[in-house]
C-alpha atoms as a PDB file:
ATOM      1  CA  MET A   1      -0.043   0.040  -0.022  1.00  0.00           C
ATOM      2  CA  ASN A   2       2.812   2.451   0.955  1.00  0.00           C
ATOM      3  CA  GLU A   3       4.480   1.708  -2.433  1.00  0.00           C
ATOM      4  CA  MET A   4       1.294   2.371  -4.302  1.00  0.00           C
ATOM      5  CA  VAL A   5       0.880   5.740  -2.526  1.00  0.00           C
ATOM      6  CA  ALA A   6       4.462   6.559  -3.183  1.00  0.00           C
ATOM      7  CA  GLN A   7       4.081   5.825  -6.879  1.00  0.00           C
ATOM      8  CA  LEU A   8       0.878   7.933  -7.060  1.00  0.00           C
ATOM      9  CA  PHE A   9       2.638  11.051  -5.705  1.00  0.00           C
ATOM     10  CA  ALA A  10       6.033  10.387  -7.571  1.00  0.00           C
ATOM     11  CA  GLY A  11       6.786  13.311  -9.864  1.00  0.00           C
ATOM     12  CA  GLY A  12       4.184  15.513  -8.351  1.00  0.00           C
ATOM     13  CA  ALA A  13       4.539  18.727  -6.557  1.00  0.00           C
ATOM     14  CA  LEU A  14       3.337  17.138  -3.346  1.00  0.00           C
ATOM     15  CA  SER A  15       6.534  15.071  -3.167  1.00  0.00           C
ATOM     16  CA  THR A  16       8.726  18.248  -2.918  1.00  0.00           C
ATOM     17  CA  ALA A  17       9.503  19.883   0.409  1.00  0.00           C
ATOM     18  CA  ILE A  18       8.642  23.354  -0.774  1.00  0.00           C
ATOM     19  CA  TYR A  19       5.164  22.337  -1.754  1.00  0.00           C
ATOM     20  CA  GLN A  20       4.637  20.647   1.550  1.00  0.00           C
ATOM     21  CA  GLN A  21       5.896  23.746   3.362  1.00  0.00           C
ATOM     22  CA  THR A  22       3.664  26.103   1.236  1.00  0.00           C
ATOM     23  CA  ALA A  23       0.662  23.848   1.844  1.00  0.00           C
ATOM     24  CA  LEU A  24       1.238  23.925   5.558  1.00  0.00           C
ATOM     25  CA  ILE A  25       1.496  27.784   5.435  1.00  0.00           C
ATOM     26  CA  VAL A  26      -1.755  28.035   3.470  1.00  0.00           C
ATOM     27  CA  LEU A  27      -3.562  25.754   5.855  1.00  0.00           C
ATOM     28  CA  LEU A  28      -2.267  27.626   8.928  1.00  0.00           C
ATOM     29  CA  SER A  29      -3.121  30.985   7.343  1.00  0.00           C
ATOM     30  CA  LEU A  30      -6.681  29.760   6.752  1.00  0.00           C
ATOM     31  CA  PHE A  31      -6.910  28.546  10.310  1.00  0.00           C
ATOM     32  CA  ALA A  32      -5.464  31.886  11.700  1.00  0.00           C
ATOM     33  CA  SER A  33      -7.813  34.068   9.608  1.00  0.00           C
ATOM     34  CA  GLY A  34     -10.747  31.756  10.418  1.00  0.00           C
ATOM     35  CA  LEU A  35     -10.028  32.106  14.117  1.00  0.00           C
ATOM     36  CA  ILE A  36      -9.980  35.916  13.916  1.00  0.00           C
ATOM     37  CA  VAL A  37     -13.197  36.069  11.812  1.00  0.00           C
ATOM     38  CA  PHE A  38     -14.927  33.470  14.111  1.00  0.00           C
ATOM     39  CA  PHE A  39     -14.450  35.831  17.067  1.00  0.00           C
ATOM     40  CA  LEU A  40     -15.639  38.856  15.074  1.00  0.00           C
ATOM     41  CA  ARG A  41     -18.605  37.048  13.518  1.00  0.00           C
ATOM     42  CA  GLN A  42     -21.044  38.598  15.954  1.00  0.00           C
ATOM     43  CA  SER A  43     -19.946  42.107  14.854  1.00  0.00           C
ATOM     44  CA  ASN A  44     -21.941  42.228  11.731  1.00  0.00           C
ATOM     45  CA  TYR A  45     -23.532  40.037   9.034  1.00  0.00           C
ATOM     46  CA  TYR A  46     -20.570  40.138   6.640  1.00  0.00           C
ATOM     47  CA  PHE A  47     -18.237  38.756   9.207  1.00  0.00           C
ATOM     48  CA  VAL A  48     -20.733  35.895   9.376  1.00  0.00           C
ATOM     49  CA  VAL A  49     -20.647  35.468   5.604  1.00  0.00           C
ATOM     50  CA  SER A  50     -16.893  35.631   5.678  1.00  0.00           C
ATOM     51  CA  TRP A  51     -16.622  32.984   8.377  1.00  0.00           C
ATOM     52  CA  ALA A  52     -18.941  30.694   6.302  1.00  0.00           C
ATOM     53  CA  SER A  53     -16.657  31.011   3.341  1.00  0.00           C
ATOM     54  CA  ILE A  54     -13.384  30.383   5.360  1.00  0.00           C
ATOM     55  CA  LYS A  55     -15.118  27.431   6.995  1.00  0.00           C
ATOM     56  CA  SER A  56     -15.861  25.913   3.683  1.00  0.00           C
ATOM     57  CA  TRP A  57     -12.201  26.402   2.554  1.00  0.00           C
ATOM     58  CA  LEU A  58     -11.002  24.726   5.664  1.00  0.00           C
ATOM     59  CA  PHE A  59     -12.956  21.739   4.685  1.00  0.00           C
ATOM     60  CA  PHE A  60     -12.089  21.822   1.023  1.00  0.00           C
ATOM     61  CA  ALA A  61      -8.486  23.172   0.933  1.00  0.00           C
ATOM     62  CA  PRO A  62      -6.593  20.061   2.098  1.00  0.00           C
ATOM     63  CA  GLY A  63      -8.172  17.895  -0.572  1.00  0.00           C
ATOM     64  CA  LEU A  64      -7.487  20.614  -3.194  1.00  0.00           C
ATOM     65  CA  LEU A  65      -3.853  20.816  -2.145  1.00  0.00           C
ATOM     66  CA  VAL A  66      -3.427  17.081  -2.505  1.00  0.00           C
ATOM     67  CA  VAL A  67      -5.068  16.933  -5.838  1.00  0.00           C
ATOM     68  CA  PHE A  68      -2.851  19.846  -7.225  1.00  0.00           C
ATOM     69  CA  GLY A  69       0.251  18.153  -5.700  1.00  0.00           C
ATOM     70  CA  LEU A  70      -0.361  14.971  -7.907  1.00  0.00           C
ATOM     71  CA  PRO A  71       1.730  14.474 -11.036  1.00  0.00           C
ATOM     72  CA  GLN A  72       0.071  15.428 -14.409  1.00  0.00           C
ATOM     73  CA  PRO A  73      -2.392  14.751 -15.780  1.00  0.00           C
ATOM     74  CA  TRP A  74      -4.400  14.559 -12.652  1.00  0.00           C
ATOM     75  CA  PRO A  75      -4.466  18.241 -11.692  1.00  0.00           C
ATOM     76  CA  LEU A  76      -5.568  19.150 -15.251  1.00  0.00           C
ATOM     77  CA  VAL A  77      -8.231  16.335 -15.234  1.00  0.00           C
ATOM     78  CA  PHE A  78      -9.504  17.909 -12.032  1.00  0.00           C
ATOM     79  CA  LEU A  79      -9.689  21.391 -13.445  1.00  0.00           C
ATOM     80  CA  THR A  80     -11.393  20.075 -16.537  1.00  0.00           C
ATOM     81  CA  LEU A  81     -14.022  18.336 -14.430  1.00  0.00           C
ATOM     82  CA  ILE A  82     -14.553  21.484 -12.478  1.00  0.00           C
ATOM     83  CA  ALA A  83     -15.172  23.407 -15.672  1.00  0.00           C
ATOM     84  CA  LEU A  84     -17.617  20.764 -16.832  1.00  0.00           C
ATOM     85  CA  LEU A  85     -19.526  20.847 -13.467  1.00  0.00           C
ATOM     86  CA  GLY A  86     -19.621  24.741 -13.720  1.00  0.00           C
ATOM     87  CA  ALA A  87     -21.075  24.568 -17.177  1.00  0.00           C
ATOM     88  CA  LYS A  88     -23.639  22.074 -16.086  1.00  0.00           C
ATOM     89  CA  ILE A  89     -24.818  24.264 -13.152  1.00  0.00           C
ATOM     90  CA  PHE A  90     -24.874  27.254 -15.443  1.00  0.00           C
ATOM     91  CA  PHE A  91     -27.173  25.442 -17.879  1.00  0.00           C
ATOM     92  CA  GLN A  92     -29.364  24.326 -14.852  1.00  0.00           C
ATOM     93  CA  LEU A  93     -29.475  27.982 -13.782  1.00  0.00           C
ATOM     94  CA  MET A  94     -30.597  29.076 -17.209  1.00  0.00           C
ATOM     95  CA  GLY A  95     -33.217  26.405 -17.542  1.00  0.00           C
ATOM     96  CA  MET A  96     -31.762  24.876 -20.677  1.00  0.00           C
ATOM     97  CA  TYR A  97     -29.982  21.731 -19.342  1.00  0.00           C
ATOM     98  CA  HIS A  98     -32.591  19.654 -21.185  1.00  0.00           C
ATOM     99  CA  ARG A  99     -31.284  21.144 -24.434  1.00  0.00           C
ATOM    100  CA  ASN A 100     -28.886  18.325 -24.866  1.00  0.00           C
ATOM    101  CA  TYR A 101     -27.348  19.300 -28.245  1.00  0.00           C
ATOM    102  CA  PHE A 102     -26.199  22.713 -26.868  1.00  0.00           C
ATOM    103  CA  VAL A 103     -24.980  21.238 -23.624  1.00  0.00           C
ATOM    104  CA  VAL A 104     -23.001  18.488 -25.447  1.00  0.00           C
ATOM    105  CA  ALA A 105     -21.419  21.173 -27.720  1.00  0.00           C
ATOM    106  CA  CYS A 106     -20.261  23.042 -24.716  1.00  0.00           C
ATOM    107  CA  TYR A 107     -18.938  19.855 -22.946  1.00  0.00           C
ATOM    108  CA  LEU A 108     -17.074  18.818 -26.095  1.00  0.00           C
ATOM    109  CA  GLY A 109     -15.409  22.231 -26.357  1.00  0.00           C
ATOM    110  CA  ILE A 110     -14.341  22.066 -22.758  1.00  0.00           C
ATOM    111  CA  LEU A 111     -12.866  18.504 -23.265  1.00  0.00           C
ATOM    112  CA  GLY A 112     -10.994  19.838 -26.259  1.00  0.00           C
ATOM    113  CA  LEU A 113      -9.583  22.640 -24.196  1.00  0.00           C
ATOM    114  CA  GLY A 114      -8.281  20.167 -21.614  1.00  0.00           C
ATOM    115  CA  TYR A 115      -6.723  18.024 -24.409  1.00  0.00           C
ATOM    116  CA  CYS A 116      -5.009  21.183 -25.953  1.00  0.00           C
ATOM    117  CA  ILE A 117      -3.407  22.102 -22.562  1.00  0.00           C
ATOM    118  CA  SER A 118      -2.180  18.538 -22.127  1.00  0.00           C
ATOM    119  CA  GLN A 119      -0.589  18.591 -25.613  1.00  0.00           C
ATOM    120  CA  ASP A 120       0.745  22.206 -25.164  1.00  0.00           C
ATOM    121  CA  ARG A 121      -1.379  23.361 -28.191  1.00  0.00           C
ATOM    122  CA  GLU A 122      -2.172  26.930 -27.156  1.00  0.00           C
ATOM    123  CA  ASP A 123      -2.683  27.826 -30.800  1.00  0.00           C
ATOM    124  CA  LEU A 124      -5.535  25.178 -31.101  1.00  0.00           C
ATOM    125  CA  TYR A 125      -6.737  26.199 -27.612  1.00  0.00           C
ATOM    126  CA  ASN A 126      -7.627  29.668 -28.918  1.00  0.00           C
ATOM    127  CA  LEU A 127      -9.334  28.318 -31.919  1.00  0.00           C
ATOM    128  CA  ILE A 128     -11.751  26.133 -30.074  1.00  0.00           C
ATOM    129  CA  PRO A 129     -14.074  29.061 -29.192  1.00  0.00           C
ATOM    130  CA  MET A 130     -14.677  29.604 -32.807  1.00  0.00           C
ATOM    131  CA  MET A 131     -15.375  25.875 -33.361  1.00  0.00           C
ATOM    132  CA  VAL A 132     -17.960  25.929 -30.490  1.00  0.00           C
ATOM    133  CA  VAL A 133     -19.610  29.052 -31.996  1.00  0.00           C
ATOM    134  CA  GLY A 134     -19.875  27.294 -35.388  1.00  0.00           C
ATOM    135  CA  LEU A 135     -21.156  24.068 -33.879  1.00  0.00           C
ATOM    136  CA  SER A 136     -23.762  25.771 -31.793  1.00  0.00           C
ATOM    137  CA  CYS A 137     -24.933  27.704 -34.906  1.00  0.00           C
ATOM    138  CA  LEU A 138     -25.403  24.552 -36.748  1.00  0.00           C
ATOM    139  CA  ILE A 139     -27.648  22.918 -34.044  1.00  0.00           C
ATOM    140  CA  PRO A 140     -30.835  24.841 -35.155  1.00  0.00           C
ATOM    141  CA  LEU A 141     -30.291  23.341 -38.681  1.00  0.00           C
ATOM    142  CA  VAL A 142     -29.931  19.842 -37.310  1.00  0.00           C
ATOM    143  CA  ARG A 143     -32.928  20.308 -35.094  1.00  0.00           C
ATOM    144  CA  ASN A 144     -34.887  22.029 -37.941  1.00  0.00           C
ATOM    145  CA  ASN A 145     -36.059  24.568 -35.448  1.00  0.00           C
ATOM    146  CA  TYR A 146     -35.827  28.301 -34.962  1.00  0.00           C
ATOM    147  CA  VAL A 147     -37.699  28.902 -31.754  1.00  0.00           C
ATOM    148  CA  ARG A 148     -35.551  30.630 -29.012  1.00  0.00           C
ATOM    149  CA  MET A 149     -32.441  29.477 -30.851  1.00  0.00           C
ATOM    150  CA  ILE A 150     -30.659  32.846 -30.544  1.00  0.00           C
ATOM    151  CA  GLN A 151     -30.994  32.657 -26.765  1.00  0.00           C
ATOM    152  CA  TYR A 152     -29.772  29.009 -26.707  1.00  0.00           C
ATOM    153  CA  ILE A 153     -26.797  29.795 -28.944  1.00  0.00           C
ATOM    154  CA  SER A 154     -25.805  32.892 -26.918  1.00  0.00           C
ATOM    155  CA  LEU A 155     -26.141  31.175 -23.572  1.00  0.00           C
ATOM    156  CA  THR A 156     -24.083  28.084 -24.863  1.00  0.00           C
ATOM    157  CA  ASN A 157     -21.262  30.319 -25.958  1.00  0.00           C
ATOM    158  CA  LEU A 158     -21.449  32.381 -22.796  1.00  0.00           C
ATOM    159  CA  ALA A 159     -21.061  29.273 -20.655  1.00  0.00           C
ATOM    160  CA  PHE A 160     -18.248  27.989 -22.790  1.00  0.00           C
ATOM    161  CA  VAL A 161     -16.182  31.149 -22.887  1.00  0.00           C
ATOM    162  CA  PHE A 162     -16.503  32.022 -19.212  1.00  0.00           C
ATOM    163  CA  LEU A 163     -16.625  28.530 -17.471  1.00  0.00           C
ATOM    164  CA  GLY A 164     -14.469  26.759 -20.097  1.00  0.00           C
ATOM    165  CA  TRP A 165     -12.103  28.856 -22.056  1.00  0.00           C
ATOM    166  CA  ALA A 166     -11.474  31.554 -19.383  1.00  0.00           C
ATOM    167  CA  PHE A 167     -11.495  29.281 -16.369  1.00  0.00           C
ATOM    168  CA  LEU A 168      -9.198  26.696 -17.945  1.00  0.00           C
ATOM    169  CA  HIS A 169      -6.467  29.338 -18.342  1.00  0.00           C
ATOM    170  CA  LEU A 170      -5.740  27.967 -14.865  1.00  0.00           C
ATOM    171  CA  GLY A 171      -4.552  24.863 -16.645  1.00  0.00           C
ATOM    172  CA  LEU A 172      -2.328  26.954 -18.839  1.00  0.00           C
ATOM    173  CA  ILE A 173      -0.929  28.678 -15.749  1.00  0.00           C
ATOM    174  CA  MET A 174       0.079  25.277 -14.411  1.00  0.00           C
ATOM    175  CA  LYS A 175       2.471  24.968 -17.418  1.00  0.00           C
ATOM    176  CA  PHE A 176       4.461  27.974 -16.222  1.00  0.00           C
ATOM    177  CA  PRO A 177       7.672  27.555 -14.123  1.00  0.00           C
ATOM    178  CA  ASN A 178       6.441  26.692 -10.656  1.00  0.00           C
ATOM    179  CA  GLY A 179       2.988  26.705 -12.184  1.00  0.00           C
ATOM    180  CA  PHE A 180       1.343  24.884  -9.310  1.00  0.00           C
ATOM    181  CA  PHE A 181       2.546  27.534  -6.905  1.00  0.00           C
ATOM    182  CA  GLN A 182       1.346  30.417  -9.110  1.00  0.00           C
ATOM    183  CA  LEU A 183      -2.105  28.678  -9.393  1.00  0.00           C
ATOM    184  CA  MET A 184      -2.170  28.401  -5.592  1.00  0.00           C
ATOM    185  CA  TYR A 185      -0.988  31.983  -5.285  1.00  0.00           C
ATOM    186  CA  LEU A 186      -3.734  33.289  -7.563  1.00  0.00           C
ATOM    187  CA  ILE A 187      -6.614  31.423  -5.897  1.00  0.00           C
ATOM    188  CA  ILE A 188      -5.487  32.524  -2.369  1.00  0.00           C
ATOM    189  CA  LEU A 189      -5.224  36.193  -3.458  1.00  0.00           C
ATOM    190  CA  THR A 190      -8.610  36.154  -5.200  1.00  0.00           C
ATOM    191  CA  GLU A 191     -10.369  34.642  -2.304  1.00  0.00           C
ATOM    192  CA  PHE A 192      -8.584  36.722   0.261  1.00  0.00           C
ATOM    193  CA  CYS A 193      -9.647  39.908  -1.487  1.00  0.00           C
ATOM    194  CA  ASP A 194     -13.341  38.903  -1.849  1.00  0.00           C
ATOM    195  CA  ASN A 195     -13.670  37.886   1.804  1.00  0.00           C
ATOM    196  CA  THR A 196     -11.855  40.903   3.052  1.00  0.00           C
ATOM    197  CA  ASN A 197     -14.071  43.153   0.968  1.00  0.00           C
ATOM    198  CA  LEU A 198     -17.235  41.520   2.245  1.00  0.00           C
ATOM    199  CA  ALA A 199     -16.038  41.691   5.897  1.00  0.00           C
ATOM    200  CA  LEU A 200     -15.258  45.329   5.628  1.00  0.00           C
ATOM    201  CA  SER A 201     -18.061  46.627   3.522  1.00  0.00           C
ATOM    202  CA  ARG A 202     -20.615  46.855   6.357  1.00  0.00           C
ATOM    203  CA  THR A 203     -18.480  48.966   8.590  1.00  0.00           C
ATOM    204  CA  ILE A 204     -16.381  50.928   6.108  1.00  0.00           C
ATOM    205  CA  GLY A 205     -17.868  53.283   3.567  1.00  0.00           C
ATOM    206  CA  ARG A 206     -21.283  54.070   2.238  1.00  0.00           C
ATOM    207  CA  THR A 207     -20.364  54.665  -1.395  1.00  0.00           C
ATOM    208  CA  HIS A 208     -21.711  51.742  -3.475  1.00  0.00           C
ATOM    209  CA  LEU A 209     -19.874  51.149  -6.752  1.00  0.00           C
ATOM    210  CA  PHE A 210     -22.743  49.345  -8.577  1.00  0.00           C
ATOM    211  CA  GLN A 211     -25.777  49.761  -6.299  1.00  0.00           C
ATOM    212  CA  ARG A 212     -28.353  48.271  -8.541  1.00  0.00           C
ATOM    213  CA  ILE A 213     -26.165  45.213  -9.189  1.00  0.00           C
ATOM    214  CA  ASP A 214     -24.460  44.535  -5.885  1.00  0.00           C
ATOM    215  CA  GLN A 215     -25.242  46.397  -2.658  1.00  0.00           C
ATOM    216  CA  LYS A 216     -22.781  44.330  -0.535  1.00  0.00           C
ATOM    217  CA  ARG A 217     -19.472  46.040  -1.630  1.00  0.00           C
ATOM    218  CA  THR A 218     -18.595  49.725  -1.135  1.00  0.00           C
ATOM    219  CA  LEU A 219     -15.917  51.825  -2.859  1.00  0.00           C
ATOM    220  CA  GLU A 220     -14.055  52.170   0.491  1.00  0.00           C
ATOM    221  CA  SER A 221     -14.027  48.494   1.360  1.00  0.00           C
ATOM    222  CA  THR A 222     -13.032  47.685  -2.187  1.00  0.00           C
ATOM    223  CA  VAL A 223      -9.920  50.043  -2.015  1.00  0.00           C
ATOM    224  CA  ILE A 224      -8.915  48.822   1.347  1.00  0.00           C
ATOM    225  CA  SER A 225      -9.307  45.069   0.529  1.00  0.00           C
ATOM    226  CA  GLY A 226      -7.258  45.723  -2.649  1.00  0.00           C
ATOM    227  CA  ILE A 227      -4.518  47.311  -0.600  1.00  0.00           C
ATOM    228  CA  LEU A 228      -4.590  44.386   1.838  1.00  0.00           C
ATOM    229  CA  THR A 229      -4.424  41.941  -1.126  1.00  0.00           C
ATOM    230  CA  LEU A 230      -1.279  43.660  -2.379  1.00  0.00           C
ATOM    231  CA  GLY A 231       0.214  43.178   1.089  1.00  0.00           C
ATOM    232  CA  MET A 232      -0.654  39.492   0.830  1.00  0.00           C
ATOM    233  CA  ALA A 233       0.753  39.275  -2.617  1.00  0.00           C
ATOM    234  CA  PHE A 234       4.038  40.728  -1.393  1.00  0.00           C
ATOM    235  CA  LEU A 235       4.180  38.268   1.648  1.00  0.00           C
ATOM    236  CA  MET A 236       3.572  35.315  -0.656  1.00  0.00           C
ATOM    237  CA  ARG A 237       5.803  36.415  -3.546  1.00  0.00           C
ATOM    238  CA  HIS A 238       8.110  33.552  -3.003  1.00  0.00           C
ATOM    239  CA  LEU A 239       5.516  31.361  -4.876  1.00  0.00           C
ATOM    240  CA  LEU A 240       6.262  33.310  -8.060  1.00  0.00           C
ATOM    241  CA  PRO A 241       9.302  32.384 -10.303  1.00  0.00           C
ATOM    242  CA  ASP A 242      10.319  36.080 -10.054  1.00  0.00           C
ATOM    243  CA  GLY A 243       9.848  37.802  -6.803  1.00  0.00           C
ATOM    244  CA  SER A 244      10.547  41.307  -8.239  1.00  0.00           C
ATOM    245  CA  ASP A 245       8.082  44.079  -7.618  1.00  0.00           C
ATOM    246  CA  GLN A 246       6.375  44.103 -10.992  1.00  0.00           C
ATOM    247  CA  TYR A 247       5.334  40.502 -10.692  1.00  0.00           C
ATOM    248  CA  TRP A 248       3.692  40.521  -7.225  1.00  0.00           C
ATOM    249  CA  LEU A 249       2.243  44.027  -7.745  1.00  0.00           C
ATOM    250  CA  LEU A 250       0.533  42.990 -10.982  1.00  0.00           C
ATOM    251  CA  SER A 251      -0.588  39.736  -9.469  1.00  0.00           C
ATOM    252  CA  GLY A 252      -2.301  41.591  -6.528  1.00  0.00           C
ATOM    253  CA  ILE A 253      -3.960  44.051  -8.968  1.00  0.00           C
ATOM    254  CA  VAL A 254      -5.241  41.304 -11.227  1.00  0.00           C
ATOM    255  CA  ALA A 255      -6.604  39.258  -8.347  1.00  0.00           C
ATOM    256  CA  SER A 256      -8.330  42.302  -6.775  1.00  0.00           C
ATOM    257  CA  VAL A 257      -9.818  43.970  -9.895  1.00  0.00           C
ATOM    258  CA  GLY A 258     -10.434  40.825 -12.051  1.00  0.00           C
ATOM    259  CA  GLY A 259     -11.995  38.893  -9.211  1.00  0.00           C
ATOM    260  CA  LEU A 260     -14.362  41.907  -8.467  1.00  0.00           C
ATOM    261  CA  PHE A 261     -15.488  42.143 -12.142  1.00  0.00           C
ATOM    262  CA  GLY A 262     -15.844  38.460 -12.647  1.00  0.00           C
ATOM    263  CA  ASP A 263     -18.138  38.343  -9.561  1.00  0.00           C
ATOM    264  CA  LEU A 264     -20.165  41.287 -10.799  1.00  0.00           C
ATOM    265  CA  VAL A 265     -20.577  40.021 -14.324  1.00  0.00           C
ATOM    266  CA  MET A 266     -21.991  36.713 -12.998  1.00  0.00           C
ATOM    267  CA  THR A 267     -24.195  38.694 -10.608  1.00  0.00           C
ATOM    268  CA  VAL A 268     -25.666  40.577 -13.526  1.00  0.00           C
ATOM    269  CA  ILE A 269     -26.429  37.234 -15.335  1.00  0.00           C
ATOM    270  CA  ARG A 270     -27.986  35.647 -12.132  1.00  0.00           C
ATOM    271  CA  LYS A 271     -30.142  38.759 -11.439  1.00  0.00           C
ATOM    272  CA  ASP A 272     -31.305  39.047 -15.055  1.00  0.00           C
ATOM    273  CA  ALA A 273     -32.293  35.387 -14.879  1.00  0.00           C
ATOM    274  CA  GLY A 274     -33.968  35.918 -11.549  1.00  0.00           C
ATOM    275  CA  ILE A 275     -31.938  33.277  -9.771  1.00  0.00           C
ATOM    276  CA  LYS A 276     -29.920  33.653  -6.613  1.00  0.00           C
ATOM    277  CA  VAL A 277     -28.379  30.401  -5.390  1.00  0.00           C
ATOM    278  CA  VAL A 278     -28.417  26.789  -6.689  1.00  0.00           C
ATOM    279  CA  GLY A 279     -27.068  24.435  -4.099  1.00  0.00           C
ATOM    280  CA  ALA A 280     -24.620  24.976  -1.383  1.00  0.00           C
ATOM    281  CA  PHE A 281     -20.855  25.022  -1.643  1.00  0.00           C
ATOM    282  CA  ILE A 282     -19.787  22.393   0.956  1.00  0.00           C
ATOM    283  CA  LEU A 283     -20.335  24.432   4.195  1.00  0.00           C
ATOM    284  CA  GLY A 284     -19.989  27.961   3.019  1.00  0.00           C
ATOM    285  CA  ARG A 285     -21.948  30.695   1.426  1.00  0.00           C
ATOM    286  CA  GLY A 286     -23.256  30.698  -2.089  1.00  0.00           C
ATOM    287  CA  ASP A 287     -23.098  28.000  -4.662  1.00  0.00           C
ATOM    288  CA  PHE A 288     -20.418  26.344  -6.787  1.00  0.00           C
ATOM    289  CA  LEU A 289     -20.406  29.031  -9.420  1.00  0.00           C
ATOM    290  CA  ARG A 290     -19.584  31.699  -6.885  1.00  0.00           C
ATOM    291  CA  ARG A 291     -16.244  29.968  -6.370  1.00  0.00           C
ATOM    292  CA  MET A 292     -15.571  29.961 -10.199  1.00  0.00           C
ATOM    293  CA  ASP A 293     -16.905  33.412 -11.133  1.00  0.00           C
ATOM    294  CA  ARG A 294     -14.089  35.378  -9.621  1.00  0.00           C
ATOM    295  CA  LEU A 295     -11.573  33.481 -11.741  1.00  0.00           C
ATOM    296  CA  ILE A 296     -13.148  33.891 -15.172  1.00  0.00           C
ATOM    297  CA  PHE A 297     -11.442  37.291 -15.605  1.00  0.00           C
ATOM    298  CA  VAL A 298      -8.474  36.670 -13.199  1.00  0.00           C
ATOM    299  CA  ALA A 299      -7.135  33.520 -14.879  1.00  0.00           C
ATOM    300  CA  PRO A 300      -6.787  34.710 -18.529  1.00  0.00           C
ATOM    301  CA  ILE A 301      -5.630  38.190 -17.522  1.00  0.00           C
ATOM    302  CA  TYR A 302      -2.923  36.845 -15.162  1.00  0.00           C
ATOM    303  CA  TYR A 303      -1.891  34.310 -17.882  1.00  0.00           C
ATOM    304  CA  TYR A 304      -1.315  36.900 -20.517  1.00  0.00           C
ATOM    305  CA  VAL A 305       0.205  39.447 -18.192  1.00  0.00           C
ATOM    306  CA  MET A 306       2.793  36.916 -16.962  1.00  0.00           C
ATOM    307  CA  LYS A 307       3.553  35.949 -20.510  1.00  0.00           C
ATOM    308  CA  ALA A 308       4.112  39.543 -21.502  1.00  0.00           C
ATOM    309  CA  LEU A 309       6.242  40.666 -18.588  1.00  0.00           C
ATOM    310  CA  PRO A 310       9.475  38.848 -19.573  1.00  0.00           C
ATOM    311  CA  LEU A 311       9.186  40.580 -22.919  1.00  0.00           C
ATOM    312  CA  LEU A 312       8.896  44.131 -21.545  1.00  0.00           C
END
């Protein structure tokens, strides 16, 4: 049994001392922040919300760290399955999960993205969105039907671009030097910024950025959480292949701004559809998509920024 376990982890990041140390730091940080928020949770509603989120990550993070520490292709397989599950939930939200042809077209596109990442075919990766557009446009002809097809085509491509193409840039990030650490770094910064923003918004500031869309976040809490996220980016810059100022500064900015707009865009979609929450995410607040939506802008922006930096 011990030999089988050793073979399973051989060649993965989990077998390295630095990954084990980083995973321990992440778990201890979650525990410490959870302890602080736990004692402050009676202060206001948003500390309660923040505690629920941290509690869910305390449950989920150990398994996530183990999966990402496995050798390839398992981390990529995991990310692809997450993308497929996100797309499934999106179609359920939109009431079109029974439209099998469109759902299958989106699923095939996501599986194609995973394959392209595994084969280092970024050129083909960026062509697949056009293939999904073409395939979804042909479905009305195959079905010999025109009723509500514009809506179905639009939602299919929206699900694929956000929850497939954009989200799976995390898989491309894993191909970077120290890619697993950069992936961990990005997820931590994004979650930290969102939870800090929510915890501060009730007590700090009264100026709402997008009052009709989201009343939970204020301008003041957003600015302060962004500054705190930059501090976190600085403290954890050892996870980057280059710890120079431009790398951690841009990482903190991308996590703060990209995460905010990803969350707001998905909030627009939810509110327009008249839907709030579908299913709980383990023990925390919100549903599964609320853990993905912050990354739909963060992942591709971070990927292309980090590719461009060495060329500047």
